[in-house]
Structure formats: structure tokens, C-alpha cells
Amino acid sequence: TAGQPVVVTPATSATTPVVIDVPFTVQLQNTGPVDAPVVQVSDFLARAFTQGNPTLSIVSGPSVVGGGLVANSGFTGQNANAGLLTGQATLPSGTSAIITYT
């Protein structure tokens, strides 16, 4: 659920879950001579974390700086919502963008 931290419950007898915020930064750069249309970056979190153990939540959805790309506000890292971007923007030649999320 958006706005909730990642909660990891250790295999020990601890009674209080451990919360771990893991920030991610992805940098894109178009070094080619032409614009790159319909740019998309995906992070299939469901492949790295099995459902239910640990509990996985997105604290802060993707945001984009530079390049004219648009963040996907519906990103969950699950199945059809694994795209960090809307996938409808172009990254112009010679430009870069930074995507961050937690």
C-alpha cells in the first residue's frame, strides 16, 4: 500500500516487526543520436519478494527529475504495475533522467 514502509519480520522470536526503508535510484541517459520513444523502466518486486514474507510496501512512489519522462503514480512492483514510468514519453537524444522511489 502506498505510504507504508517495508516491514520485514525476522525468523527469530522477535515480536516487533523490523521496518527497513530501501531507497532506489535509477539513472537513465540517452547517449544515442536520436530520441528514444516510449521509454519504460520496470522493477518486478514480486519476483524478488515472495508474497507475504516479507511484507512489501511502497513508501514513496517513483518520481522523475529531468528528461521529460513521467512517473507512474500507480507503481506497485507487482505484475502489470511494475512500470516506474507511464511509458508514453520520449527521452531526447543527449538527455538524462533520474528516477527515485522507496
PDB file of N, CA and C in Angstrom:
ATOM      1  N   THR A   1       0.847  -1.174   0.000  1.00  0.00           N
ATOM      2  CA  THR A   1       0.000   0.000   0.000  1.00  0.00           C
ATOM      3  C   THR A   1       0.890   1.233   0.000  1.00  0.00           C
ATOM      4  N   ALA A   2       0.609   2.187  -0.836  1.00  0.00           N
ATOM      5  CA  ALA A   2       1.415   3.401  -0.909  1.00  0.00           C
ATOM      6  C   ALA A   2       1.379   4.123   0.424  1.00  0.00           C
ATOM      7  N   GLY A   3       2.500   4.671   0.829  1.00  0.00           N
ATOM      8  CA  GLY A   3       2.581   5.441   2.064  1.00  0.00           C
ATOM      9  C   GLY A   3       2.941   4.610   3.269  1.00  0.00           C
ATOM     10  N   GLN A   4       3.147   3.287   3.091  1.00  0.00           N
ATOM     11  CA  GLN A   4       3.523   2.445   4.209  1.00  0.00           C
ATOM     12  C   GLN A   4       4.932   1.919   3.988  1.00  0.00           C
ATOM     13  N   PRO A   5       5.729   1.786   5.066  1.00  0.00           N
ATOM     14  CA  PRO A   5       7.112   1.323   4.921  1.00  0.00           C
ATOM     15  C   PRO A   5       7.196  -0.176   4.673  1.00  0.00           C
ATOM     16  N   VAL A   6       8.363  -0.629   4.195  1.00  0.00           N
ATOM     17  CA  VAL A   6       8.639  -2.046   4.045  1.00  0.00           C
ATOM     18  C   VAL A   6       8.768  -2.635   5.437  1.00  0.00           C
ATOM     19  N   VAL A   7       8.082  -3.733   5.703  1.00  0.00           N
ATOM     20  CA  VAL A   7       8.143  -4.387   7.009  1.00  0.00           C
ATOM     21  C   VAL A   7       8.724  -5.770   6.813  1.00  0.00           C
ATOM     22  N   VAL A   8       9.819  -6.068   7.521  1.00  0.00           N
ATOM     23  CA  VAL A   8      10.464  -7.366   7.443  1.00  0.00           C
ATOM     24  C   VAL A   8      10.406  -7.991   8.826  1.00  0.00           C
ATOM     25  N   THR A   9       9.858  -9.191   8.924  1.00  0.00           N
ATOM     26  CA  THR A   9       9.802  -9.889  10.200  1.00  0.00           C
ATOM     27  C   THR A   9      10.903 -10.939  10.210  1.00  0.00           C
ATOM     28  N   PRO A  10      11.876 -10.816  11.127  1.00  0.00           N
ATOM     29  CA  PRO A  10      12.975 -11.776  11.180  1.00  0.00           C
ATOM     30  C   PRO A  10      12.482 -13.165  11.587  1.00  0.00           C
ATOM     31  N   ALA A  11      13.258 -14.186  11.245  1.00  0.00           N
ATOM     32  CA  ALA A  11      12.902 -15.559  11.576  1.00  0.00           C
ATOM     33  C   ALA A  11      13.146 -15.884  13.040  1.00  0.00           C
ATOM     34  N   THR A  12      13.658 -14.938  13.806  1.00  0.00           N
ATOM     35  CA  THR A  12      13.890 -15.160  15.227  1.00  0.00           C
ATOM     36  C   THR A  12      12.586 -14.984  15.995  1.00  0.00           C
ATOM     37  N   SER A  13      12.647 -15.013  17.298  1.00  0.00           N
ATOM     38  CA  SER A  13      11.447 -14.901  18.114  1.00  0.00           C
ATOM     39  C   SER A  13      11.066 -13.456  18.423  1.00  0.00           C
ATOM     40  N   ALA A  14      11.542 -12.527  17.649  1.00  0.00           N
ATOM     41  CA  ALA A  14      11.202 -11.117  17.862  1.00  0.00           C
ATOM     42  C   ALA A  14       9.699 -10.925  17.700  1.00  0.00           C
ATOM     43  N   THR A  15       9.111 -10.127  18.554  1.00  0.00           N
ATOM     44  CA  THR A  15       7.673  -9.899  18.494  1.00  0.00           C
ATOM     45  C   THR A  15       7.310  -8.631  17.738  1.00  0.00           C
ATOM     46  N   THR A  16       8.262  -7.745  17.540  1.00  0.00           N
ATOM     47  CA  THR A  16       8.016  -6.497  16.824  1.00  0.00           C
ATOM     48  C   THR A  16       8.657  -6.583  15.447  1.00  0.00           C
ATOM     49  N   PRO A  17       7.869  -6.369  14.379  1.00  0.00           N
ATOM     50  CA  PRO A  17       8.455  -6.408  13.035  1.00  0.00           C
ATOM     51  C   PRO A  17       9.537  -5.343  12.858  1.00  0.00           C
ATOM     52  N   VAL A  18      10.495  -5.662  12.036  1.00  0.00           N
ATOM     53  CA  VAL A  18      11.569  -4.733  11.707  1.00  0.00           C
ATOM     54  C   VAL A  18      11.173  -4.004  10.430  1.00  0.00           C
ATOM     55  N   VAL A  19      11.252  -2.685  10.441  1.00  0.00           N
ATOM     56  CA  VAL A  19      10.907  -1.878   9.278  1.00  0.00           C
ATOM     57  C   VAL A  19      12.199  -1.413   8.613  1.00  0.00           C
ATOM     58  N   ILE A  20      12.310  -1.675   7.328  1.00  0.00           N
ATOM     59  CA  ILE A  20      13.500  -1.288   6.574  1.00  0.00           C
ATOM     60  C   ILE A  20      13.056  -0.483   5.364  1.00  0.00           C
ATOM     61  N   ASP A  21      13.481   0.782   5.283  1.00  0.00           N
ATOM     62  CA  ASP A  21      13.229   1.609   4.105  1.00  0.00           C
ATOM     63  C   ASP A  21      14.424   1.477   3.176  1.00  0.00           C
ATOM     64  N   VAL A  22      14.163   1.077   1.938  1.00  0.00           N
ATOM     65  CA  VAL A  22      15.239   0.888   0.962  1.00  0.00           C
ATOM     66  C   VAL A  22      15.001   1.843  -0.203  1.00  0.00           C
ATOM     67  N   PRO A  23      15.756   2.940  -0.255  1.00  0.00           N
ATOM     68  CA  PRO A  23      15.593   3.868  -1.376  1.00  0.00           C
ATOM     69  C   PRO A  23      16.309   3.346  -2.628  1.00  0.00           C
ATOM     70  N   PHE A  24      15.674   3.534  -3.776  1.00  0.00           N
ATOM     71  CA  PHE A  24      16.257   3.139  -5.054  1.00  0.00           C
ATOM     72  C   PHE A  24      16.410   4.378  -5.932  1.00  0.00           C
ATOM     73  N   THR A  25      17.509   4.422  -6.684  1.00  0.00           N
ATOM     74  CA  THR A  25      17.743   5.479  -7.657  1.00  0.00           C
ATOM     75  C   THR A  25      18.151   4.816  -8.968  1.00  0.00           C
ATOM     76  N   VAL A  26      17.461   5.183 -10.037  1.00  0.00           N
ATOM     77  CA  VAL A  26      17.769   4.662 -11.366  1.00  0.00           C
ATOM     78  C   VAL A  26      18.092   5.858 -12.250  1.00  0.00           C
ATOM     79  N   GLN A  27      19.259   5.812 -12.894  1.00  0.00           N
ATOM     80  CA  GLN A  27      19.639   6.904 -13.790  1.00  0.00           C
ATOM     81  C   GLN A  27      19.597   6.410 -15.227  1.00  0.00           C
ATOM     82  N   LEU A  28      18.908   7.176 -16.067  1.00  0.00           N
ATOM     83  CA  LEU A  28      18.808   6.868 -17.487  1.00  0.00           C
ATOM     84  C   LEU A  28      19.530   7.943 -18.277  1.00  0.00           C
ATOM     85  N   GLN A  29      20.181   7.541 -19.360  1.00  0.00           N
ATOM     86  CA  GLN A  29      20.827   8.520 -20.218  1.00  0.00           C
ATOM     87  C   GLN A  29      20.719   8.041 -21.654  1.00  0.00           C
ATOM     88  N   ASN A  30      20.256   8.907 -22.527  1.00  0.00           N
ATOM     89  CA  ASN A  30      20.185   8.596 -23.945  1.00  0.00           C
ATOM     90  C   ASN A  30      21.432   9.160 -24.608  1.00  0.00           C
ATOM     91  N   THR A  31      22.393   8.291 -24.859  1.00  0.00           N
ATOM     92  CA  THR A  31      23.648   8.721 -25.485  1.00  0.00           C
ATOM     93  C   THR A  31      23.621   8.549 -27.001  1.00  0.00           C
ATOM     94  N   GLY A  32      22.484   8.088 -27.503  1.00  0.00           N
ATOM     95  CA  GLY A  32      22.355   7.873 -28.942  1.00  0.00           C
ATOM     96  C   GLY A  32      22.089   9.159 -29.708  1.00  0.00           C
ATOM     97  N   PRO A  33      22.151   9.092 -31.033  1.00  0.00           N
ATOM     98  CA  PRO A  33      21.960  10.282 -31.878  1.00  0.00           C
ATOM     99  C   PRO A  33      20.489  10.637 -32.123  1.00  0.00           C
ATOM    100  N   VAL A  34      19.559   9.760 -31.700  1.00  0.00           N
ATOM    101  CA  VAL A  34      18.132  10.024 -31.925  1.00  0.00           C
ATOM    102  C   VAL A  34      17.359   9.906 -30.613  1.00  0.00           C
ATOM    103  N   ASP A  35      16.188  10.505 -30.592  1.00  0.00           N
ATOM    104  CA  ASP A  35      15.323  10.424 -29.412  1.00  0.00           C
ATOM    105  C   ASP A  35      14.875   8.982 -29.179  1.00  0.00           C
ATOM    106  N   ALA A  36      14.687   8.611 -27.902  1.00  0.00           N
ATOM    107  CA  ALA A  36      14.203   7.275 -27.547  1.00  0.00           C
ATOM    108  C   ALA A  36      12.722   7.382 -27.182  1.00  0.00           C
ATOM    109  N   PRO A  37      11.826   6.868 -28.033  1.00  0.00           N
ATOM    110  CA  PRO A  37      10.384   6.992 -27.754  1.00  0.00           C
ATOM    111  C   PRO A  37       9.895   5.945 -26.751  1.00  0.00           C
ATOM    112  N   VAL A  38       8.747   6.202 -26.199  1.00  0.00           N
ATOM    113  CA  VAL A  38       8.030   5.332 -25.256  1.00  0.00           C
ATOM    114  C   VAL A  38       8.952   4.612 -24.259  1.00  0.00           C
ATOM    115  N   VAL A  39       9.728   5.394 -23.528  1.00  0.00           N
ATOM    116  CA  VAL A  39      10.696   4.855 -22.569  1.00  0.00           C
ATOM    117  C   VAL A  39       9.960   4.268 -21.366  1.00  0.00           C
ATOM    118  N   GLN A  40      10.383   3.076 -20.948  1.00  0.00           N
ATOM    119  CA  GLN A  40       9.822   2.425 -19.774  1.00  0.00           C
ATOM    120  C   GLN A  40      10.935   1.737 -18.992  1.00  0.00           C
ATOM    121  N   VAL A  41      10.870   1.810 -17.678  1.00  0.00           N
ATOM    122  CA  VAL A  41      11.762   1.092 -16.782  1.00  0.00           C
ATOM    123  C   VAL A  41      10.856   0.311 -15.845  1.00  0.00           C
ATOM    124  N   SER A  42      11.099  -0.990 -15.705  1.00  0.00           N
ATOM    125  CA  SER A  42      10.253  -1.824 -14.854  1.00  0.00           C
ATOM    126  C   SER A  42      11.059  -2.408 -13.709  1.00  0.00           C
ATOM    127  N   ASP A  43      10.414  -2.560 -12.563  1.00  0.00           N
ATOM    128  CA  ASP A  43      11.007  -3.219 -11.409  1.00  0.00           C
ATOM    129  C   ASP A  43       9.977  -4.200 -10.874  1.00  0.00           C
ATOM    130  N   PHE A  44      10.165  -5.468 -11.184  1.00  0.00           N
ATOM    131  CA  PHE A  44       9.234  -6.519 -10.773  1.00  0.00           C
ATOM    132  C   PHE A  44       9.594  -6.985  -9.369  1.00  0.00           C
ATOM    133  N   LEU A  45       9.161  -6.219  -8.385  1.00  0.00           N
ATOM    134  CA  LEU A  45       9.473  -6.524  -6.992  1.00  0.00           C
ATOM    135  C   LEU A  45       8.909  -7.877  -6.575  1.00  0.00           C
ATOM    136  N   ALA A  46       7.801  -8.294  -7.170  1.00  0.00           N
ATOM    137  CA  ALA A  46       7.181  -9.577  -6.841  1.00  0.00           C
ATOM    138  C   ALA A  46       8.116 -10.746  -7.150  1.00  0.00           C
ATOM    139  N   ARG A  47       9.036 -10.572  -8.078  1.00  0.00           N
ATOM    140  CA  ARG A  47       9.983 -11.644  -8.411  1.00  0.00           C
ATOM    141  C   ARG A  47      11.074 -11.768  -7.354  1.00  0.00           C
ATOM    142  N   ALA A  48      11.379 -10.668  -6.680  1.00  0.00           N
ATOM    143  CA  ALA A  48      12.421 -10.682  -5.650  1.00  0.00           C
ATOM    144  C   ALA A  48      11.864 -11.002  -4.269  1.00  0.00           C
ATOM    145  N   PHE A  49      10.604 -10.645  -4.036  1.00  0.00           N
ATOM    146  CA  PHE A  49       9.989 -10.831  -2.727  1.00  0.00           C
ATOM    147  C   PHE A  49       8.717 -11.655  -2.896  1.00  0.00           C
ATOM    148  N   THR A  50       8.712 -12.856  -2.323  1.00  0.00           N
ATOM    149  CA  THR A  50       7.503 -13.672  -2.405  1.00  0.00           C
ATOM    150  C   THR A  50       6.410 -13.028  -1.577  1.00  0.00           C
ATOM    151  N   GLN A  51       5.181 -13.229  -1.988  1.00  0.00           N
ATOM    152  CA  GLN A  51       4.051 -12.574  -1.334  1.00  0.00           C
ATOM    153  C   GLN A  51       3.917 -13.022   0.118  1.00  0.00           C
ATOM    154  N   GLY A  52       3.828 -12.021   1.014  1.00  0.00           N
ATOM    155  CA  GLY A  52       3.579 -12.282   2.421  1.00  0.00           C
ATOM    156  C   GLY A  52       4.803 -12.403   3.299  1.00  0.00           C
ATOM    157  N   ASN A  53       5.983 -12.685   2.751  1.00  0.00           N
ATOM    158  CA  ASN A  53       7.161 -12.839   3.604  1.00  0.00           C
ATOM    159  C   ASN A  53       8.412 -12.445   2.837  1.00  0.00           C
ATOM    160  N   PRO A  54       8.942 -11.268   3.017  1.00  0.00           N
ATOM    161  CA  PRO A  54       8.484 -10.216   3.924  1.00  0.00           C
ATOM    162  C   PRO A  54       7.317  -9.437   3.323  1.00  0.00           C
ATOM    163  N   THR A  55       6.659  -8.671   4.153  1.00  0.00           N
ATOM    164  CA  THR A  55       5.609  -7.785   3.678  1.00  0.00           C
ATOM    165  C   THR A  55       6.273  -6.624   2.956  1.00  0.00           C
ATOM    166  N   LEU A  56       5.816  -6.312   1.778  1.00  0.00           N
ATOM    167  CA  LEU A  56       6.440  -5.290   0.949  1.00  0.00           C
ATOM    168  C   LEU A  56       5.453  -4.178   0.663  1.00  0.00           C
ATOM    169  N   SER A  57       5.863  -2.952   0.921  1.00  0.00           N
ATOM    170  CA  SER A  57       5.031  -1.790   0.629  1.00  0.00           C
ATOM    171  C   SER A  57       5.891  -0.707  -0.002  1.00  0.00           C
ATOM    172  N   ILE A  58       5.264   0.098  -0.830  1.00  0.00           N
ATOM    173  CA  ILE A  58       5.947   1.239  -1.431  1.00  0.00           C
ATOM    174  C   ILE A  58       5.695   2.445  -0.535  1.00  0.00           C
ATOM    175  N   VAL A  59       6.763   3.021   0.021  1.00  0.00           N
ATOM    176  CA  VAL A  59       6.647   4.183   0.899  1.00  0.00           C
ATOM    177  C   VAL A  59       6.456   5.440   0.074  1.00  0.00           C
ATOM    178  N   SER A  60       7.290   5.579  -0.927  1.00  0.00           N
ATOM    179  CA  SER A  60       7.253   6.754  -1.780  1.00  0.00           C
ATOM    180  C   SER A  60       7.350   6.277  -3.225  1.00  0.00           C
ATOM    181  N   GLY A  61       6.280   6.473  -3.984  1.00  0.00           N
ATOM    182  CA  GLY A  61       6.259   6.044  -5.375  1.00  0.00           C
ATOM    183  C   GLY A  61       7.302   6.766  -6.204  1.00  0.00           C
ATOM    184  N   PRO A  62       7.486   6.336  -7.435  1.00  0.00           N
ATOM    185  CA  PRO A  62       8.535   6.916  -8.261  1.00  0.00           C
ATOM    186  C   PRO A  62       8.322   8.401  -8.554  1.00  0.00           C
ATOM    187  N   SER A  63       9.431   9.110  -8.562  1.00  0.00           N
ATOM    188  CA  SER A  63       9.448  10.498  -9.024  1.00  0.00           C
ATOM    189  C   SER A  63      10.589  10.611 -10.026  1.00  0.00           C
ATOM    190  N   VAL A  64      10.448  11.522 -10.963  1.00  0.00           N
ATOM    191  CA  VAL A  64      11.421  11.662 -12.049  1.00  0.00           C
ATOM    192  C   VAL A  64      11.918  13.094 -12.107  1.00  0.00           C
ATOM    193  N   VAL A  65      13.229  13.232 -12.243  1.00  0.00           N
ATOM    194  CA  VAL A  65      13.848  14.543 -12.452  1.00  0.00           C
ATOM    195  C   VAL A  65      14.573  14.492 -13.788  1.00  0.00           C
ATOM    196  N   GLY A  66      14.239  15.411 -14.675  1.00  0.00           N
ATOM    197  CA  GLY A  66      14.925  15.537 -15.949  1.00  0.00           C
ATOM    198  C   GLY A  66      14.360  14.652 -17.038  1.00  0.00           C
ATOM    199  N   GLY A  67      14.738  14.947 -18.263  1.00  0.00           N
ATOM    200  CA  GLY A  67      14.423  14.118 -19.405  1.00  0.00           C
ATOM    201  C   GLY A  67      13.004  14.174 -19.923  1.00  0.00           C
ATOM    202  N   GLY A  68      12.107  14.832 -19.212  1.00  0.00           N
ATOM    203  CA  GLY A  68      10.731  14.924 -19.672  1.00  0.00           C
ATOM    204  C   GLY A  68       9.926  13.650 -19.486  1.00  0.00           C
ATOM    205  N   LEU A  69      10.461  12.672 -18.750  1.00  0.00           N
ATOM    206  CA  LEU A  69       9.738  11.427 -18.507  1.00  0.00           C
ATOM    207  C   LEU A  69       8.726  11.630 -17.390  1.00  0.00           C
ATOM    208  N   VAL A  70       7.702  10.768 -17.361  1.00  0.00           N
ATOM    209  CA  VAL A  70       6.613  10.913 -16.403  1.00  0.00           C
ATOM    210  C   VAL A  70       6.527   9.666 -15.530  1.00  0.00           C
ATOM    211  N   ALA A  71       6.520   9.859 -14.204  1.00  0.00           N
ATOM    212  CA  ALA A  71       6.439   8.749 -13.259  1.00  0.00           C
ATOM    213  C   ALA A  71       5.055   8.114 -13.284  1.00  0.00           C
ATOM    214  N   ASN A  72       5.016   6.808 -13.044  1.00  0.00           N
ATOM    215  CA  ASN A  72       3.763   6.060 -12.944  1.00  0.00           C
ATOM    216  C   ASN A  72       3.294   6.104 -11.491  1.00  0.00           C
ATOM    217  N   SER A  73       2.254   6.871 -11.218  1.00  0.00           N
ATOM    218  CA  SER A  73       1.760   7.016  -9.848  1.00  0.00           C
ATOM    219  C   SER A  73       1.112   5.728  -9.332  1.00  0.00           C
ATOM    220  N   GLY A  74       0.825   4.784 -10.220  1.00  0.00           N
ATOM    221  CA  GLY A  74       0.228   3.515  -9.816  1.00  0.00           C
ATOM    222  C   GLY A  74       1.237   2.397  -9.603  1.00  0.00           C
ATOM    223  N   PHE A  75       2.536   2.724  -9.579  1.00  0.00           N
ATOM    224  CA  PHE A  75       3.583   1.698  -9.418  1.00  0.00           C
ATOM    225  C   PHE A  75       3.426   0.938  -8.108  1.00  0.00           C
ATOM    226  N   THR A  76       3.426  -0.400  -8.200  1.00  0.00           N
ATOM    227  CA  THR A  76       3.407  -1.260  -7.015  1.00  0.00           C
ATOM    228  C   THR A  76       4.513  -2.303  -7.055  1.00  0.00           C
ATOM    229  N   GLY A  77       5.154  -2.476  -8.213  1.00  0.00           N
ATOM    230  CA  GLY A  77       6.162  -3.519  -8.357  1.00  0.00           C
ATOM    231  C   GLY A  77       5.549  -4.894  -8.574  1.00  0.00           C
ATOM    232  N   GLN A  78       4.248  -4.942  -8.741  1.00  0.00           N
ATOM    233  CA  GLN A  78       3.520  -6.195  -8.898  1.00  0.00           C
ATOM    234  C   GLN A  78       2.928  -6.281 -10.301  1.00  0.00           C
ATOM    235  N   ASN A  79       3.181  -7.359 -10.989  1.00  0.00           N
ATOM    236  CA  ASN A  79       2.548  -7.699 -12.269  1.00  0.00           C
ATOM    237  C   ASN A  79       2.444  -6.510 -13.228  1.00  0.00           C
ATOM    238  N   ALA A  80       1.226  -6.104 -13.577  1.00  0.00           N
ATOM    239  CA  ALA A  80       1.017  -5.048 -14.571  1.00  0.00           C
ATOM    240  C   ALA A  80       1.410  -3.663 -14.065  1.00  0.00           C
ATOM    241  N   ASN A  81       1.659  -3.511 -12.778  1.00  0.00           N
ATOM    242  CA  ASN A  81       2.035  -2.205 -12.219  1.00  0.00           C
ATOM    243  C   ASN A  81       3.519  -2.146 -11.849  1.00  0.00           C
ATOM    244  N   ALA A  82       4.358  -2.820 -12.615  1.00  0.00           N
ATOM    245  CA  ALA A  82       5.797  -2.837 -12.352  1.00  0.00           C
ATOM    246  C   ALA A  82       6.542  -1.723 -13.081  1.00  0.00           C
ATOM    247  N   GLY A  83       5.855  -0.974 -13.940  1.00  0.00           N
ATOM    248  CA  GLY A  83       6.492   0.111 -14.688  1.00  0.00           C
ATOM    249  C   GLY A  83       6.676   1.340 -13.816  1.00  0.00           C
ATOM    250  N   LEU A  84       7.899   1.840 -13.746  1.00  0.00           N
ATOM    251  CA  LEU A  84       8.189   3.052 -12.978  1.00  0.00           C
ATOM    252  C   LEU A  84       7.731   4.309 -13.705  1.00  0.00           C
ATOM    253  N   LEU A  85       7.568   4.204 -15.025  1.00  0.00           N
ATOM    254  CA  LEU A  85       7.166   5.344 -15.854  1.00  0.00           C
ATOM    255  C   LEU A  85       5.831   5.045 -16.527  1.00  0.00           C
ATOM    256  N   THR A  86       5.199   6.084 -17.047  1.00  0.00           N
ATOM    257  CA  THR A  86       3.954   5.866 -17.781  1.00  0.00           C
ATOM    258  C   THR A  86       4.215   5.156 -19.101  1.00  0.00           C
ATOM    259  N   GLY A  87       5.438   5.251 -19.620  1.00  0.00           N
ATOM    260  CA  GLY A  87       5.778   4.599 -20.882  1.00  0.00           C
ATOM    261  C   GLY A  87       5.267   5.338 -22.096  1.00  0.00           C
ATOM    262  N   GLN A  88       4.893   6.589 -21.917  1.00  0.00           N
ATOM    263  CA  GLN A  88       4.331   7.358 -23.023  1.00  0.00           C
ATOM    264  C   GLN A  88       5.193   8.558 -23.409  1.00  0.00           C
ATOM    265  N   ALA A  89       6.344   8.706 -22.748  1.00  0.00           N
ATOM    266  CA  ALA A  89       7.188   9.873 -23.019  1.00  0.00           C
ATOM    267  C   ALA A  89       8.455   9.462 -23.772  1.00  0.00           C
ATOM    268  N   THR A  90       9.077  10.451 -24.365  1.00  0.00           N
ATOM    269  CA  THR A  90      10.309  10.272 -25.127  1.00  0.00           C
ATOM    270  C   THR A  90      11.477  10.867 -24.364  1.00  0.00           C
ATOM    271  N   LEU A  91      12.609  10.149 -24.343  1.00  0.00           N
ATOM    272  CA  LEU A  91      13.844  10.672 -23.762  1.00  0.00           C
ATOM    273  C   LEU A  91      14.693  11.208 -24.916  1.00  0.00           C
ATOM    274  N   PRO A  92      14.774  12.529 -25.026  1.00  0.00           N
ATOM    275  CA  PRO A  92      15.513  13.115 -26.149  1.00  0.00           C
ATOM    276  C   PRO A  92      16.989  12.728 -26.161  1.00  0.00           C
ATOM    277  N   SER A  93      17.552  12.719 -27.338  1.00  0.00           N
ATOM    278  CA  SER A  93      18.968  12.435 -27.514  1.00  0.00           C
ATOM    279  C   SER A  93      19.809  13.387 -26.665  1.00  0.00           C
ATOM    280  N   GLY A  94      20.793  12.838 -25.986  1.00  0.00           N
ATOM    281  CA  GLY A  94      21.726  13.651 -25.191  1.00  0.00           C
ATOM    282  C   GLY A  94      21.190  14.058 -23.833  1.00  0.00           C
ATOM    283  N   THR A  95      20.017  13.585 -23.429  1.00  0.00           N
ATOM    284  CA  THR A  95      19.471  13.964 -22.119  1.00  0.00           C
ATOM    285  C   THR A  95      19.484  12.771 -21.161  1.00  0.00           C
ATOM    286  N   SER A  96      19.270  13.089 -19.886  1.00  0.00           N
ATOM    287  CA  SER A  96      19.224  12.043 -18.873  1.00  0.00           C
ATOM    288  C   SER A  96      18.075  12.309 -17.915  1.00  0.00           C
ATOM    289  N   ALA A  97      17.732  11.297 -17.139  1.00  0.00           N
ATOM    290  CA  ALA A  97      16.678  11.404 -16.136  1.00  0.00           C
ATOM    291  C   ALA A  97      17.065  10.551 -14.943  1.00  0.00           C
ATOM    292  N   ILE A  98      16.572  10.935 -13.783  1.00  0.00           N
ATOM    293  CA  ILE A  98      16.809  10.159 -12.561  1.00  0.00           C
ATOM    294  C   ILE A  98      15.445   9.806 -11.970  1.00  0.00           C
ATOM    295  N   ILE A  99      15.253   8.516 -11.704  1.00  0.00           N
ATOM    296  CA  ILE A  99      14.024   8.021 -11.071  1.00  0.00           C
ATOM    297  C   ILE A  99      14.381   7.587  -9.653  1.00  0.00           C
ATOM    298  N   THR A 100      13.598   8.051  -8.678  1.00  0.00           N
ATOM    299  CA  THR A 100      13.812   7.617  -7.289  1.00  0.00           C
ATOM    300  C   THR A 100      12.499   7.102  -6.722  1.00  0.00           C
ATOM    301  N   TYR A 101      12.615   6.116  -5.821  1.00  0.00           N
ATOM    302  CA  TYR A 101      11.462   5.594  -5.089  1.00  0.00           C
ATOM    303  C   TYR A 101      11.954   4.808  -3.880  1.00  0.00           C
ATOM    304  N   THR A 102      11.063   4.615  -2.915  1.00  0.00           N
ATOM    305  CA  THR A 102      11.406   3.898  -1.676  1.00  0.00           C
ATOM    306  C   THR A 102      10.354   2.849  -1.420  1.00  0.00           C
TER     307      THR A 102
END
